[in-house]
C-alpha atoms as a PDB file:
ATOM      1  CA  UNK A   1     -13.175   3.325  -2.138  1.00  0.00           C
ATOM      2  CA  UNK A   2     -11.709   5.541  -5.532  1.00  0.00           C
ATOM      3  CA  UNK A   3     -13.089   4.083  -9.312  1.00  0.00           C
ATOM      4  CA  UNK A   4     -12.309   5.816 -12.671  1.00  0.00           C
ATOM      5  CA  UNK A   5     -14.126   8.351 -12.594  1.00  0.00           C
ATOM      6  CA  UNK A   6     -14.498   9.200  -9.478  1.00  0.00           C
ATOM      7  CA  UNK A   7     -11.195  10.737  -7.567  1.00  0.00           C
ATOM      8  CA  UNK A   8     -12.671  10.208  -4.404  1.00  0.00           C
ATOM      9  CA  UNK A   9     -11.988  12.513  -0.404  1.00  0.00           C
ATOM     10  CA  UNK A  10      -9.087  14.275  -0.907  1.00  0.00           C
ATOM     11  CA  UNK A  11      -7.007  12.454   2.219  1.00  0.00           C
ATOM     12  CA  UNK A  12      -6.232  13.584   5.520  1.00  0.00           C
ATOM     13  CA  UNK A  13      -3.077  12.657   5.153  1.00  0.00           C
ATOM     14  CA  UNK A  14       0.377  13.098   2.976  1.00  0.00           C
ATOM     15  CA  UNK A  15       2.228  10.572   3.247  1.00  0.00           C
ATOM     16  CA  UNK A  16       6.190  11.251   3.608  1.00  0.00           C
ATOM     17  CA  UNK A  17       9.185   9.355   2.819  1.00  0.00           C
ATOM     18  CA  UNK A  18      11.747   9.358   5.557  1.00  0.00           C
ATOM     19  CA  UNK A  19      14.748  11.017   3.240  1.00  0.00           C
ATOM     20  CA  UNK A  20      16.138   8.726   1.035  1.00  0.00           C
ATOM     21  CA  UNK A  21      17.024   5.333   2.140  1.00  0.00           C
ATOM     22  CA  UNK A  22      20.928   4.957   2.588  1.00  0.00           C
ATOM     23  CA  UNK A  23      23.151   1.658   1.791  1.00  0.00           C
ATOM     24  CA  UNK A  24      25.055   0.870   4.962  1.00  0.00           C
ATOM     25  CA  UNK A  25      28.414   0.867   4.692  1.00  0.00           C
ATOM     26  CA  UNK A  26      29.007  -2.530   4.860  1.00  0.00           C
ATOM     27  CA  UNK A  27      26.947  -3.663   2.287  1.00  0.00           C
ATOM     28  CA  UNK A  28      28.825  -1.116   0.154  1.00  0.00           C
ATOM     29  CA  UNK A  29      31.096  -3.573  -2.084  1.00  0.00           C
ATOM     30  CA  UNK A  30      28.136  -5.877  -1.961  1.00  0.00           C
ATOM     31  CA  UNK A  31      26.914  -3.019  -4.758  1.00  0.00           C
ATOM     32  CA  UNK A  32      29.092  -1.841  -7.424  1.00  0.00           C
ATOM     33  CA  UNK A  33      26.406   0.460  -8.879  1.00  0.00           C
ATOM     34  CA  UNK A  34      27.228   4.082  -9.526  1.00  0.00           C
ATOM     35  CA  UNK A  35      24.508   5.181 -12.272  1.00  0.00           C
ATOM     36  CA  UNK A  36      20.595   4.916 -12.547  1.00  0.00           C
ATOM     37  CA  UNK A  37      21.370   2.587 -15.862  1.00  0.00           C
ATOM     38  CA  UNK A  38      23.794   0.768 -13.969  1.00  0.00           C
ATOM     39  CA  UNK A  39      20.682   0.748 -10.800  1.00  0.00           C
ATOM     40  CA  UNK A  40      17.672   0.078 -14.480  1.00  0.00           C
ATOM     41  CA  UNK A  41      19.934  -3.123 -14.349  1.00  0.00           C
ATOM     42  CA  UNK A  42      20.788  -4.576 -11.814  1.00  0.00           C
ATOM     43  CA  UNK A  43      17.234  -4.298 -11.028  1.00  0.00           C
ATOM     44  CA  UNK A  44      16.161  -6.319 -13.904  1.00  0.00           C
ATOM     45  CA  UNK A  45      18.521  -8.891 -14.011  1.00  0.00           C
ATOM     46  CA  UNK A  46      16.937  -9.367 -10.320  1.00  0.00           C
ATOM     47  CA  UNK A  47      13.610  -9.568 -10.979  1.00  0.00           C
ATOM     48  CA  UNK A  48      14.097 -12.227 -14.342  1.00  0.00           C
ATOM     49  CA  UNK A  49      15.911 -14.449 -11.591  1.00  0.00           C
ATOM     50  CA  UNK A  50      13.009 -14.493  -9.817  1.00  0.00           C
ATOM     51  CA  UNK A  51      13.619 -13.501  -6.525  1.00  0.00           C
ATOM     52  CA  UNK A  52      10.613 -12.238  -4.964  1.00  0.00           C
ATOM     53  CA  UNK A  53      10.676  -8.270  -4.631  1.00  0.00           C
ATOM     54  CA  UNK A  54       8.302  -8.975  -1.421  1.00  0.00           C
ATOM     55  CA  UNK A  55       7.880 -11.509   1.927  1.00  0.00           C
ATOM     56  CA  UNK A  56       7.189 -11.737   5.277  1.00  0.00           C
ATOM     57  CA  UNK A  57      10.085 -11.875   6.676  1.00  0.00           C
ATOM     58  CA  UNK A  58      10.447  -8.372   4.671  1.00  0.00           C
ATOM     59  CA  UNK A  59       7.706  -7.077   5.708  1.00  0.00           C
ATOM     60  CA  UNK A  60       7.883  -8.416   9.369  1.00  0.00           C
ATOM     61  CA  UNK A  61      11.027  -6.327   9.365  1.00  0.00           C
ATOM     62  CA  UNK A  62      10.073  -3.260   7.862  1.00  0.00           C
ATOM     63  CA  UNK A  63       6.751  -2.912  10.543  1.00  0.00           C
ATOM     64  CA  UNK A  64       8.606  -4.125  13.603  1.00  0.00           C
ATOM     65  CA  UNK A  65      10.596  -0.885  13.008  1.00  0.00           C
ATOM     66  CA  UNK A  66       8.474   1.531  11.882  1.00  0.00           C
ATOM     67  CA  UNK A  67       6.275   0.571  16.018  1.00  0.00           C
ATOM     68  CA  UNK A  68       8.685   1.430  17.626  1.00  0.00           C
ATOM     69  CA  UNK A  69       8.037   5.146  16.291  1.00  0.00           C
ATOM     70  CA  UNK A  70      11.756   6.297  16.763  1.00  0.00           C
ATOM     71  CA  UNK A  71      12.626  10.046  18.263  1.00  0.00           C
ATOM     72  CA  UNK A  72      13.220  12.927  15.691  1.00  0.00           C
ATOM     73  CA  UNK A  73      17.168  11.755  13.299  1.00  0.00           C
ATOM     74  CA  UNK A  74      16.626   8.492  14.950  1.00  0.00           C
ATOM     75  CA  UNK A  75      18.070   5.590  12.358  1.00  0.00           C
ATOM     76  CA  UNK A  76      15.259   3.633  11.086  1.00  0.00           C
ATOM     77  CA  UNK A  77      16.334  -0.016   9.058  1.00  0.00           C
ATOM     78  CA  UNK A  78      13.931  -1.918   6.064  1.00  0.00           C
ATOM     79  CA  UNK A  79      15.971  -4.963   4.053  1.00  0.00           C
ATOM     80  CA  UNK A  80      16.291  -4.116   0.167  1.00  0.00           C
ATOM     81  CA  UNK A  81      15.424  -6.986  -1.971  1.00  0.00           C
ATOM     82  CA  UNK A  82      18.678  -8.622  -1.462  1.00  0.00           C
ATOM     83  CA  UNK A  83      17.773  -8.718   1.584  1.00  0.00           C
ATOM     84  CA  UNK A  84      21.306  -5.810   2.395  1.00  0.00           C
ATOM     85  CA  UNK A  85      20.273  -3.300   5.343  1.00  0.00           C
ATOM     86  CA  UNK A  86      19.330   0.066   4.297  1.00  0.00           C
ATOM     87  CA  UNK A  87      18.467   3.293   7.456  1.00  0.00           C
ATOM     88  CA  UNK A  88      16.617   6.014   7.740  1.00  0.00           C
ATOM     89  CA  UNK A  89      16.552   9.432   8.936  1.00  0.00           C
ATOM     90  CA  UNK A  90      12.768   9.098  11.310  1.00  0.00           C
ATOM     91  CA  UNK A  91      11.558  13.146  11.030  1.00  0.00           C
ATOM     92  CA  UNK A  92       8.528  13.062  13.694  1.00  0.00           C
ATOM     93  CA  UNK A  93       6.507  16.392  14.216  1.00  0.00           C
ATOM     94  CA  UNK A  94       8.783  18.085  11.062  1.00  0.00           C
ATOM     95  CA  UNK A  95       5.597  20.321   8.887  1.00  0.00           C
ATOM     96  CA  UNK A  96       6.560  17.969   5.311  1.00  0.00           C
ATOM     97  CA  UNK A  97       3.803  20.299   2.894  1.00  0.00           C
ATOM     98  CA  UNK A  98       1.762  23.575   3.283  1.00  0.00           C
ATOM     99  CA  UNK A  99      -1.107  24.812   1.499  1.00  0.00           C
ATOM    100  CA  UNK A 100      -3.931  27.315   2.031  1.00  0.00           C
ATOM    101  CA  UNK A 101      -7.645  26.516   3.011  1.00  0.00           C
ATOM    102  CA  UNK A 102      -9.210  29.703   2.685  1.00  0.00           C
ATOM    103  CA  UNK A 103      -7.287  32.002   4.442  1.00  0.00           C
ATOM    104  CA  UNK A 104      -5.815  30.405   6.903  1.00  0.00           C
ATOM    105  CA  UNK A 105      -2.273  27.802   6.330  1.00  0.00           C
ATOM    106  CA  UNK A 106      -3.129  24.393   7.400  1.00  0.00           C
ATOM    107  CA  UNK A 107       0.674  22.103   7.469  1.00  0.00           C
ATOM    108  CA  UNK A 108       1.300  18.336   7.165  1.00  0.00           C
ATOM    109  CA  UNK A 109       3.434  17.208   9.404  1.00  0.00           C
ATOM    110  CA  UNK A 110       5.146  13.809  10.112  1.00  0.00           C
ATOM    111  CA  UNK A 111       3.351  11.577  12.631  1.00  0.00           C
ATOM    112  CA  UNK A 112       3.099   8.158  12.512  1.00  0.00           C
ATOM    113  CA  UNK A 113       5.546   5.705  10.685  1.00  0.00           C
ATOM    114  CA  UNK A 114       3.434   3.115   7.790  1.00  0.00           C
ATOM    115  CA  UNK A 115       4.553   0.952   4.981  1.00  0.00           C
ATOM    116  CA  UNK A 116       4.824   1.501   1.311  1.00  0.00           C
ATOM    117  CA  UNK A 117       5.473  -1.027  -0.980  1.00  0.00           C
ATOM    118  CA  UNK A 118       6.995  -0.508  -4.478  1.00  0.00           C
ATOM    119  CA  UNK A 119       6.197  -2.743  -7.009  1.00  0.00           C
ATOM    120  CA  UNK A 120       8.611  -4.035  -9.855  1.00  0.00           C
ATOM    121  CA  UNK A 121       6.560  -1.851 -12.320  1.00  0.00           C
ATOM    122  CA  UNK A 122       7.136   1.601 -10.103  1.00  0.00           C
ATOM    123  CA  UNK A 123      10.583   0.851 -10.038  1.00  0.00           C
ATOM    124  CA  UNK A 124      11.325   2.667 -13.625  1.00  0.00           C
ATOM    125  CA  UNK A 125       9.701   5.392 -12.154  1.00  0.00           C
ATOM    126  CA  UNK A 126      11.630   5.401  -8.541  1.00  0.00           C
ATOM    127  CA  UNK A 127      14.520   6.030 -11.098  1.00  0.00           C
ATOM    128  CA  UNK A 128      12.516   8.918 -12.889  1.00  0.00           C
ATOM    129  CA  UNK A 129      12.701  10.472  -9.432  1.00  0.00           C
ATOM    130  CA  UNK A 130      15.617  10.784  -8.789  1.00  0.00           C
ATOM    131  CA  UNK A 131      17.271  11.716 -11.857  1.00  0.00           C
ATOM    132  CA  UNK A 132      16.086  15.161 -11.097  1.00  0.00           C
ATOM    133  CA  UNK A 133      18.765  14.709  -8.583  1.00  0.00           C
ATOM    134  CA  UNK A 134      22.243  14.199  -8.585  1.00  0.00           C
ATOM    135  CA  UNK A 135      22.582  10.399  -8.006  1.00  0.00           C
ATOM    136  CA  UNK A 136      23.883   9.356  -4.689  1.00  0.00           C
ATOM    137  CA  UNK A 137      25.533   5.402  -5.138  1.00  0.00           C
ATOM    138  CA  UNK A 138      24.956   5.254  -1.102  1.00  0.00           C
ATOM    139  CA  UNK A 139      21.330   5.875  -2.668  1.00  0.00           C
ATOM    140  CA  UNK A 140      19.264   2.959  -2.317  1.00  0.00           C
ATOM    141  CA  UNK A 141      16.631   2.286  -4.895  1.00  0.00           C
ATOM    142  CA  UNK A 142      17.038  -1.155  -4.267  1.00  0.00           C
ATOM    143  CA  UNK A 143      13.830  -1.363  -1.748  1.00  0.00           C
ATOM    144  CA  UNK A 144      10.837  -2.722  -2.600  1.00  0.00           C
ATOM    145  CA  UNK A 145       9.267  -2.055   1.034  1.00  0.00           C
ATOM    146  CA  UNK A 146       9.973   1.425   2.132  1.00  0.00           C
ATOM    147  CA  UNK A 147       8.975   3.771   5.854  1.00  0.00           C
ATOM    148  CA  UNK A 148       7.431   7.114   5.738  1.00  0.00           C
ATOM    149  CA  UNK A 149       5.570   9.155   7.860  1.00  0.00           C
ATOM    150  CA  UNK A 150       1.678   9.909   7.960  1.00  0.00           C
ATOM    151  CA  UNK A 151       1.646  13.482   7.718  1.00  0.00           C
ATOM    152  CA  UNK A 152      -1.233  14.916   9.575  1.00  0.00           C
ATOM    153  CA  UNK A 153      -3.159  18.104   9.168  1.00  0.00           C
ATOM    154  CA  UNK A 154      -2.804  20.603  11.418  1.00  0.00           C
ATOM    155  CA  UNK A 155      -3.713  24.537  11.904  1.00  0.00           C
ATOM    156  CA  UNK A 156      -0.873  26.487  12.201  1.00  0.00           C
ATOM    157  CA  UNK A 157      -1.904  28.446  15.068  1.00  0.00           C
ATOM    158  CA  UNK A 158      -3.458  26.497  17.748  1.00  0.00           C
ATOM    159  CA  UNK A 159      -1.521  22.578  16.097  1.00  0.00           C
ATOM    160  CA  UNK A 160      -5.068  21.250  16.214  1.00  0.00           C
ATOM    161  CA  UNK A 161      -5.138  18.230  13.794  1.00  0.00           C
ATOM    162  CA  UNK A 162      -7.897  18.788  10.971  1.00  0.00           C
ATOM    163  CA  UNK A 163     -10.285  16.939   9.195  1.00  0.00           C
ATOM    164  CA  UNK A 164     -10.252  15.379   6.252  1.00  0.00           C
ATOM    165  CA  UNK A 165     -10.421  18.319   3.425  1.00  0.00           C
ATOM    166  CA  UNK A 166     -13.541  16.832   1.708  1.00  0.00           C
ATOM    167  CA  UNK A 167     -16.429  14.074   2.834  1.00  0.00           C
ATOM    168  CA  UNK A 168     -18.463  11.889   0.040  1.00  0.00           C
ATOM    169  CA  UNK A 169     -22.018  11.213   1.154  1.00  0.00           C
ATOM    170  CA  UNK A 170     -21.997   8.115   2.179  1.00  0.00           C
ATOM    171  CA  UNK A 171     -25.428   7.193  -0.071  1.00  0.00           C
ATOM    172  CA  UNK A 172     -23.074   8.646  -3.327  1.00  0.00           C
ATOM    173  CA  UNK A 173     -20.352   6.139  -2.278  1.00  0.00           C
ATOM    174  CA  UNK A 174     -22.526   3.464  -2.125  1.00  0.00           C
ATOM    175  CA  UNK A 175     -24.135   4.188  -5.022  1.00  0.00           C
ATOM    176  CA  UNK A 176     -21.069   3.712  -6.792  1.00  0.00           C
ATOM    177  CA  UNK A 177     -20.012   0.870  -5.040  1.00  0.00           C
ATOM    178  CA  UNK A 178     -23.306  -1.215  -5.844  1.00  0.00           C
ATOM    179  CA  UNK A 179     -23.660  -0.480  -9.849  1.00  0.00           C
ATOM    180  CA  UNK A 180     -19.379  -1.034 -10.279  1.00  0.00           C
ATOM    181  CA  UNK A 181     -20.314  -4.819  -8.025  1.00  0.00           C
ATOM    182  CA  UNK A 182     -23.290  -4.725 -10.853  1.00  0.00           C
ATOM    183  CA  UNK A 183     -21.618  -3.660 -13.862  1.00  0.00           C
ATOM    184  CA  UNK A 184     -18.893  -6.391 -12.925  1.00  0.00           C
ATOM    185  CA  UNK A 185     -21.159  -9.341 -12.412  1.00  0.00           C
ATOM    186  CA  UNK A 186     -22.876  -8.674 -16.278  1.00  0.00           C
ATOM    187  CA  UNK A 187     -19.544  -8.497 -18.092  1.00  0.00           C
ATOM    188  CA  UNK A 188     -17.782 -11.417 -19.435  1.00  0.00           C
ATOM    189  CA  UNK A 189     -14.579 -10.911 -17.694  1.00  0.00           C
ATOM    190  CA  UNK A 190     -16.521 -12.001 -14.868  1.00  0.00           C
ATOM    191  CA  UNK A 191     -18.217 -14.992 -16.363  1.00  0.00           C
ATOM    192  CA  UNK A 192     -14.787 -15.555 -17.412  1.00  0.00           C
ATOM    193  CA  UNK A 193     -12.905 -15.816 -14.111  1.00  0.00           C
ATOM    194  CA  UNK A 194     -15.365 -18.087 -12.504  1.00  0.00           C
ATOM    195  CA  UNK A 195     -15.318 -20.078 -15.297  1.00  0.00           C
ATOM    196  CA  UNK A 196     -11.525 -20.114 -14.566  1.00  0.00           C
ATOM    197  CA  UNK A 197     -11.386 -20.948 -10.783  1.00  0.00           C
ATOM    198  CA  UNK A 198     -13.909 -24.165 -11.144  1.00  0.00           C
ATOM    199  CA  UNK A 199     -11.252 -25.809 -13.816  1.00  0.00           C
ATOM    200  CA  UNK A 200      -8.395 -25.115 -11.907  1.00  0.00           C
ATOM    201  CA  UNK A 201      -8.680 -24.328  -8.749  1.00  0.00           C
ATOM    202  CA  UNK A 202     -12.497 -27.050  -8.317  1.00  0.00           C
ATOM    203  CA  UNK A 203      -9.957 -28.581  -6.131  1.00  0.00           C
ATOM    204  CA  UNK A 204      -8.132 -25.924  -4.057  1.00  0.00           C
ATOM    205  CA  UNK A 205      -7.669 -26.134  -0.514  1.00  0.00           C
ATOM    206  CA  UNK A 206      -8.833 -22.503   0.211  1.00  0.00           C
ATOM    207  CA  UNK A 207     -10.061 -21.396   3.760  1.00  0.00           C
ATOM    208  CA  UNK A 208     -10.524 -16.733   3.321  1.00  0.00           C
ATOM    209  CA  UNK A 209      -9.297 -14.272   1.510  1.00  0.00           C
ATOM    210  CA  UNK A 210      -7.113 -11.588   2.011  1.00  0.00           C
ATOM    211  CA  UNK A 211      -7.225  -8.561  -0.692  1.00  0.00           C
ATOM    212  CA  UNK A 212      -5.621  -5.393  -1.255  1.00  0.00           C
ATOM    213  CA  UNK A 213      -8.238  -3.213  -3.275  1.00  0.00           C
ATOM    214  CA  UNK A 214      -8.412   1.302  -3.608  1.00  0.00           C
ATOM    215  CA  UNK A 215     -10.736   1.072  -6.210  1.00  0.00           C
ATOM    216  CA  UNK A 216     -14.727  -0.583  -6.184  1.00  0.00           C
ATOM    217  CA  UNK A 217     -14.499  -2.288  -9.098  1.00  0.00           C
ATOM    218  CA  UNK A 218     -11.246  -4.427  -7.632  1.00  0.00           C
ATOM    219  CA  UNK A 219     -13.991  -4.386  -3.929  1.00  0.00           C
ATOM    220  CA  UNK A 220     -16.983  -5.977  -7.167  1.00  0.00           C
ATOM    221  CA  UNK A 221     -13.646  -9.138  -7.890  1.00  0.00           C
ATOM    222  CA  UNK A 222     -13.022  -9.798  -4.124  1.00  0.00           C
ATOM    223  CA  UNK A 223     -16.968 -10.151  -3.941  1.00  0.00           C
ATOM    224  CA  UNK A 224     -17.120 -12.611  -6.656  1.00  0.00           C
ATOM    225  CA  UNK A 225     -14.249 -15.445  -5.459  1.00  0.00           C
ATOM    226  CA  UNK A 226     -16.265 -14.874  -2.103  1.00  0.00           C
ATOM    227  CA  UNK A 227     -19.852 -16.550  -3.263  1.00  0.00           C
ATOM    228  CA  UNK A 228     -17.534 -18.786  -5.468  1.00  0.00           C
ATOM    229  CA  UNK A 229     -15.901 -20.238  -3.060  1.00  0.00           C
ATOM    230  CA  UNK A 230     -19.173 -19.981  -0.429  1.00  0.00           C
ATOM    231  CA  UNK A 231     -20.726 -22.069  -3.345  1.00  0.00           C
ATOM    232  CA  UNK A 232     -18.118 -24.584  -4.209  1.00  0.00           C
ATOM    233  CA  UNK A 233     -17.878 -25.593  -0.124  1.00  0.00           C
ATOM    234  CA  UNK A 234     -21.278 -25.505   0.911  1.00  0.00           C
ATOM    235  CA  UNK A 235     -20.457 -22.134   3.598  1.00  0.00           C
ATOM    236  CA  UNK A 236     -23.315 -19.766   4.516  1.00  0.00           C
ATOM    237  CA  UNK A 237     -19.768 -17.298   4.845  1.00  0.00           C
ATOM    238  CA  UNK A 238     -15.960 -16.958   3.194  1.00  0.00           C
ATOM    239  CA  UNK A 239     -14.303 -15.118   5.451  1.00  0.00           C
ATOM    240  CA  UNK A 240     -12.461 -12.263   3.296  1.00  0.00           C
ATOM    241  CA  UNK A 241     -10.258  -9.105   4.677  1.00  0.00           C
ATOM    242  CA  UNK A 242      -8.662  -6.273   2.624  1.00  0.00           C
ATOM    243  CA  UNK A 243      -6.107  -3.897   3.636  1.00  0.00           C
ATOM    244  CA  UNK A 244      -5.375  -0.412   1.879  1.00  0.00           C
ATOM    245  CA  UNK A 245      -4.352   2.924   4.303  1.00  0.00           C
ATOM    246  CA  UNK A 246      -6.885   5.298   2.387  1.00  0.00           C
ATOM    247  CA  UNK A 247     -10.218   3.498   3.769  1.00  0.00           C
ATOM    248  CA  UNK A 248     -11.777   5.549   5.807  1.00  0.00           C
ATOM    249  CA  UNK A 249     -15.242   4.258   7.656  1.00  0.00           C
ATOM    250  CA  UNK A 250     -17.380   5.474   4.698  1.00  0.00           C
ATOM    251  CA  UNK A 251     -15.407   2.392   3.489  1.00  0.00           C
ATOM    252  CA  UNK A 252     -15.564   0.313   6.182  1.00  0.00           C
ATOM    253  CA  UNK A 253     -19.244  -0.094   6.668  1.00  0.00           C
ATOM    254  CA  UNK A 254     -19.930  -0.425   3.067  1.00  0.00           C
ATOM    255  CA  UNK A 255     -17.620  -3.299   2.818  1.00  0.00           C
ATOM    256  CA  UNK A 256     -18.805  -4.263   6.249  1.00  0.00           C
ATOM    257  CA  UNK A 257     -22.570  -4.839   4.004  1.00  0.00           C
ATOM    258  CA  UNK A 258     -21.240  -7.641   1.836  1.00  0.00           C
ATOM    259  CA  UNK A 259     -18.938  -9.428   4.200  1.00  0.00           C
ATOM    260  CA  UNK A 260     -15.516  -8.364   4.175  1.00  0.00           C
ATOM    261  CA  UNK A 261     -13.175  -6.295   6.783  1.00  0.00           C
ATOM    262  CA  UNK A 262     -11.179  -3.945   6.831  1.00  0.00           C
ATOM    263  CA  UNK A 263      -7.985  -4.868   8.423  1.00  0.00           C
ATOM    264  CA  UNK A 264      -4.637  -2.650   8.672  1.00  0.00           C
ATOM    265  CA  UNK A 265      -1.536  -2.976   6.721  1.00  0.00           C
ATOM    266  CA  UNK A 266       0.796  -5.198   6.853  1.00  0.00           C
ATOM    267  CA  UNK A 267      -1.699  -7.235   9.050  1.00  0.00           C
ATOM    268  CA  UNK A 268      -3.535  -8.691   5.370  1.00  0.00           C
ATOM    269  CA  UNK A 269       0.237  -9.776   3.923  1.00  0.00           C
ATOM    270  CA  UNK A 270       1.059 -11.379   8.047  1.00  0.00           C
ATOM    271  CA  UNK A 271      -1.954 -13.361   7.104  1.00  0.00           C
ATOM    272  CA  UNK A 272      -1.203 -15.356   4.009  1.00  0.00           C
ATOM    273  CA  UNK A 273      -0.603 -18.441   4.595  1.00  0.00           C
ATOM    274  CA  UNK A 274      -1.007 -21.669   2.026  1.00  0.00           C
ATOM    275  CA  UNK A 275      -4.926 -21.446   2.826  1.00  0.00           C
ATOM    276  CA  UNK A 276      -5.650 -18.295   1.971  1.00  0.00           C
END
């Protein structure tokens, strides 16, 4: 549960892209970009045209692929923002990173697959990353939903999976969370949000909330939404769900105590409907 001025525990994993996403040969004629400048121009044009970068169908398709857990070198597929297939090579079991912990060498081994989402604001960053390579037109830089391996920390010699390097004390995280919630509730932004909700959403049919959040201040906003809806509808509880790949057992306990349930990605997105 990260927040400004607080770096949180070191992750127990290292997320690694399954190589570079490649266009399928049958779709090559749909793309004429041969430079990163042309790629950026097409991304801007696509975004401004109103084409959604994320859809439930694309997320479900990518998740079905990730759940297959194919063997080393086997293909997995996603769909880009133009609904064209792109492919990756699976890398299960491969060492994707190394670090020294004291005198012991620790490896990050590619394990289960997960989804990673690239919003429009991050596409220019991705293009900058690709500038470090010799750009190849067969790469697809139009993937908003990508498939990564999660790299688990293991002892090089014993192959035993290792816990996180640092685990923060639950009391510290609870105190930090409660402080951020109170700070948010005392802010003018919180009052403004409740005023907007009362004016613009007073008659909206809302049954539950699903939220993607990783910092305490974002969870505080979700609590405001939850409390506002409970008061509006005179309900004792309104279901609230959050998803983020970095949640741990401490986060689950703290959020559960305030009525927010942690669910696994991408189920939060797939559960969204007209009333959520």
